[in-house]
Amino acid sequence: MVAMVAMVPHRMAVLAFAMASAAPEAPALRGAPGADLRSSWQHAGCCNGCNTAFCSPQSGSCYDYKGKCCYLECGSGSSPQGSLPAAQPHADCCDSCSGSSYCSPASGTCYASKGKDYYLECAGPRPDFVKVANYACTTSVQSETFYDLSSHAECQEKCFQFSWCRFFQFKDGTVDSCLGGSRTECEVLSTCDDVIDASCWDYYHG
């Protein structure tokens, strides 16, 4: 009788140990110390493919701003708010942002508003220019001049290269009476405040 009583505590201890061993461990909380979050990121190296200030390690998308706390800060593309990035791999972003008002030369993203000073202003769809023969514009806020182009069509293409260009004018250098000899001249203009008679020039507006 004494031996049986002595065995009861021993059996209870063995049973308690077995139950403790079989109990599942409490799951580690995501984000808790020791949890490797990077193992769940499919695009942990997204900065290598982005020339922007931030990127998403979950989607791999590139961003100019930190929209979520999980976005990685990319040292190569980061810059102070509004300042011009050193690298501009998408300087021609307006070409792929038809209908948008602005785009980022750093990421190539199109925008409806100018969120940063360095965003390019896009002219939108190409206008159909109307020719006004023997006239020229004398005053414009912004302009660029090109020489020795073969035709007004090349001058028009120069205009399309600038997001601010709204007008252009072309002087045919084959006309002997025009000043400047045999050189053709092209001017692309952002505005036109004054148009005058000019027999050697043709003025084009959208």
Protein backbone atom coordinates (compact mmCIF):
# COMPACT_ATOMS: atom_id res chain seq x y z
CA MET A 1 0.00 0.00 0.00
CA VAL A 2 2.84 2.34 0.79
CA ALA A 3 4.54 1.59 -2.53
CA MET A 4 1.42 2.49 -4.55
CA VAL A 5 1.03 5.83 -2.77
CA ALA A 6 4.65 6.68 -3.48
CA MET A 7 4.21 6.04 -7.21
CA VAL A 8 1.27 8.43 -7.69
CA PRO A 9 3.29 11.66 -7.45
CA HIS A 10 5.88 10.18 -9.80
CA ARG A 11 3.25 9.37 -12.45
CA MET A 12 1.72 12.84 -12.16
CA ALA A 13 5.13 14.43 -12.69
CA VAL A 14 5.75 12.34 -15.81
CA LEU A 15 2.30 13.25 -17.20
CA ALA A 16 2.83 16.96 -16.55
CA PHE A 17 6.21 16.85 -18.30
CA ALA A 18 4.70 15.09 -21.33
CA MET A 19 1.90 17.65 -21.63
CA ALA A 20 4.35 20.53 -21.40
CA SER A 21 6.51 19.01 -24.12
CA ALA A 22 3.54 18.46 -26.46
CA ALA A 23 2.14 22.01 -26.07
CA PRO A 24 2.83 24.13 -29.23
CA GLU A 25 5.11 27.12 -28.86
CA ALA A 26 3.47 30.54 -28.99
CA PRO A 27 3.90 32.01 -32.49
CA ALA A 28 6.40 34.85 -32.78
CA LEU A 29 4.73 38.19 -33.48
CA ARG A 30 5.65 39.74 -36.82
CA GLY A 31 7.97 42.59 -36.17
CA ALA A 32 8.96 41.29 -32.75
CA PRO A 33 12.67 41.24 -31.88
CA GLY A 34 14.38 38.42 -33.68
CA ALA A 35 11.82 38.18 -36.50
CA ASP A 36 13.47 38.38 -39.93
CA LEU A 37 11.10 40.59 -41.90
CA ARG A 38 13.42 40.74 -44.87
CA SER A 39 12.81 37.05 -45.54
CA SER A 40 9.23 37.92 -46.57
CA TRP A 41 10.30 40.75 -48.92
CA GLN A 42 10.41 39.61 -52.52
CA HIS A 43 12.15 42.81 -53.63
CA ALA A 44 14.56 43.53 -50.79
CA GLY A 45 17.11 44.76 -53.35
CA CYS A 46 14.70 47.16 -55.11
CA CYS A 47 17.08 50.10 -54.69
CA ASN A 48 19.36 48.49 -57.26
CA GLY A 49 16.72 48.99 -59.93
CA CYS A 50 15.46 52.42 -58.83
CA ASN A 51 16.91 55.87 -59.33
CA THR A 52 14.42 57.34 -56.88
CA ALA A 53 14.62 58.26 -53.21
CA PHE A 54 12.57 55.27 -52.04
CA CYS A 55 11.32 51.86 -53.16
CA SER A 56 8.94 49.18 -51.92
CA PRO A 57 10.59 45.89 -50.87
CA GLN A 58 7.21 44.20 -51.26
CA SER A 59 6.27 45.28 -54.80
CA GLY A 60 9.61 46.51 -56.13
CA SER A 61 8.04 49.82 -57.23
CA CYS A 62 10.09 53.03 -57.17
CA TYR A 63 8.89 56.19 -55.46
CA ASP A 64 10.00 59.80 -55.07
CA TYR A 65 8.52 60.00 -51.57
CA LYS A 66 8.07 57.70 -48.57
CA GLY A 67 4.39 56.79 -48.77
CA LYS A 68 4.64 53.83 -46.36
CA CYS A 69 6.85 53.12 -43.37
CA CYS A 70 8.18 49.92 -44.95
CA TYR A 71 9.63 51.73 -48.01
CA LEU A 72 13.40 51.51 -48.23
CA GLU A 73 15.45 54.68 -48.55
CA CYS A 74 17.74 54.46 -51.55
CA GLY A 75 20.93 56.43 -51.05
CA SER A 76 21.64 56.84 -54.77
CA GLY A 77 18.33 58.53 -55.50
CA SER A 78 17.57 60.33 -52.27
CA SER A 79 17.64 64.10 -52.36
CA PRO A 80 16.19 67.00 -50.38
CA GLN A 81 12.54 67.71 -50.99
CA GLY A 82 12.14 69.63 -54.22
CA SER A 83 15.81 69.62 -55.24
CA LEU A 84 16.94 68.35 -58.62
CA PRO A 85 18.28 64.77 -58.49
CA ALA A 86 21.80 64.28 -59.80
CA ALA A 87 20.69 61.43 -62.05
CA GLN A 88 17.90 62.03 -64.56
CA PRO A 89 17.48 58.73 -66.42
CA HIS A 90 13.98 59.76 -67.54
CA ALA A 91 14.67 63.25 -68.90
CA ASP A 92 12.32 62.40 -71.80
CA CYS A 93 9.47 61.32 -69.49
CA CYS A 94 7.01 63.74 -71.13
CA ASP A 95 7.10 61.52 -74.22
CA SER A 96 5.44 58.69 -72.28
CA CYS A 97 3.15 60.92 -70.18
CA SER A 98 0.72 62.06 -72.83
CA GLY A 99 -2.17 63.90 -71.24
CA SER A 100 -0.33 64.47 -67.95
CA SER A 101 0.75 67.93 -66.83
CA TYR A 102 4.04 66.93 -65.18
CA CYS A 103 6.51 64.07 -64.88
CA SER A 104 9.59 63.18 -62.84
CA PRO A 105 12.90 63.01 -64.74
CA ALA A 106 14.20 60.80 -61.91
CA SER A 107 11.53 58.07 -61.89
CA GLY A 108 9.59 58.68 -65.12
CA THR A 109 6.31 58.85 -63.19
CA CYS A 110 3.51 61.06 -64.56
CA TYR A 111 1.69 63.55 -62.34
CA ALA A 112 -1.34 65.82 -62.56
CA SER A 113 0.25 68.44 -60.28
CA LYS A 114 3.77 69.73 -59.69
CA GLY A 115 4.70 68.08 -56.40
CA LYS A 116 8.40 68.97 -56.63
CA ASP A 117 10.29 71.85 -58.21
CA TYR A 118 12.30 69.60 -60.52
CA TYR A 119 9.24 67.96 -62.14
CA LEU A 120 9.07 68.67 -65.87
CA GLU A 121 6.06 70.46 -67.28
CA CYS A 122 4.65 68.43 -70.14
CA ALA A 123 2.88 70.07 -73.04
CA GLY A 124 0.43 67.18 -73.38
CA PRO A 125 -0.71 65.96 -76.81
CA ARG A 126 1.13 67.51 -79.76
CA PRO A 127 -0.80 70.41 -81.23
CA ASP A 128 -1.51 70.93 -84.92
CA PHE A 129 0.41 74.08 -85.79
CA VAL A 130 -1.07 76.69 -88.10
CA LYS A 131 1.26 78.61 -90.41
CA VAL A 132 1.15 82.40 -90.66
CA ALA A 133 3.36 83.31 -93.61
CA ASN A 134 5.60 86.38 -93.59
CA TYR A 135 5.14 87.08 -89.89
CA ALA A 136 7.43 86.67 -86.88
CA CYS A 137 7.14 86.91 -83.14
CA THR A 138 9.42 89.46 -81.48
CA THR A 139 8.89 88.81 -77.76
CA SER A 140 8.78 85.56 -75.79
CA VAL A 141 9.37 84.68 -72.14
CA GLN A 142 11.48 81.66 -73.09
CA SER A 143 13.06 80.71 -76.41
CA GLU A 144 15.77 78.66 -78.10
CA THR A 145 17.37 79.25 -81.52
CA PHE A 146 18.67 76.63 -83.97
CA TYR A 147 20.47 77.12 -87.28
CA ASP A 148 20.90 75.17 -90.51
CA LEU A 149 17.78 73.02 -90.25
CA SER A 150 16.48 71.71 -93.56
CA SER A 151 12.80 72.64 -93.14
CA HIS A 152 10.09 73.98 -90.86
CA ALA A 153 9.22 70.34 -90.02
CA GLU A 154 12.59 69.96 -88.30
CA CYS A 155 11.95 73.21 -86.48
CA GLN A 156 8.62 71.83 -85.29
CA GLU A 157 10.38 68.71 -83.95
CA LYS A 158 12.72 70.98 -81.99
CA CYS A 159 9.66 72.60 -80.45
CA PHE A 160 8.32 69.22 -79.37
CA GLN A 161 11.56 68.57 -77.47
CA PHE A 162 10.74 71.34 -74.99
CA SER A 163 7.79 70.94 -72.64
CA TRP A 164 7.32 74.72 -72.55
CA CYS A 165 7.27 75.27 -76.34
CA ARG A 166 3.94 76.53 -77.67
CA PHE A 167 5.04 78.40 -80.85
CA PHE A 168 7.86 78.31 -83.38
CA GLN A 169 9.00 80.29 -86.39
CA PHE A 170 11.24 79.40 -89.30
CA LYS A 171 13.34 81.51 -91.66
CA ASP A 172 14.22 80.03 -95.03
CA GLY A 173 17.86 80.82 -95.74
CA THR A 174 17.49 80.26 -99.49
CA VAL A 175 15.86 83.68 -99.89
CA ASP A 176 18.68 86.02 -100.96
CA SER A 177 17.03 89.16 -99.63
CA CYS A 178 16.89 87.81 -96.05
CA LEU A 179 19.51 88.86 -93.57
CA GLY A 180 21.87 86.13 -92.40
CA GLY A 181 22.91 84.76 -95.78
CA SER A 182 22.13 81.17 -96.67
CA ARG A 183 21.61 79.90 -93.11
CA THR A 184 18.15 78.79 -92.08
CA GLU A 185 17.00 79.82 -88.63
CA CYS A 186 14.51 78.25 -86.23
CA GLU A 187 13.17 79.76 -83.03
CA VAL A 188 11.03 77.82 -80.55
CA LEU A 189 8.98 79.96 -78.17
CA SER A 190 7.07 79.57 -74.92
CA THR A 191 4.88 82.65 -75.47
CA CYS A 192 4.36 85.25 -78.15
CA ASP A 193 3.52 88.76 -77.03
CA ASP A 194 4.02 90.62 -80.30
CA VAL A 195 3.80 89.55 -83.97
CA ILE A 196 5.07 91.76 -86.79
CA ASP A 197 5.40 91.65 -90.58
CA ALA A 198 8.58 89.79 -91.56
CA SER A 199 8.93 88.72 -95.17
CA CYS A 200 11.65 86.16 -94.44
CA TRP A 201 9.87 84.36 -91.62
CA ASP A 202 6.90 82.01 -91.20
CA TYR A 203 5.26 81.93 -87.78
CA TYR A 204 3.47 78.82 -86.43
CA HIS A 205 1.02 78.66 -83.56
CA GLY A 206 -1.02 75.80 -82.08
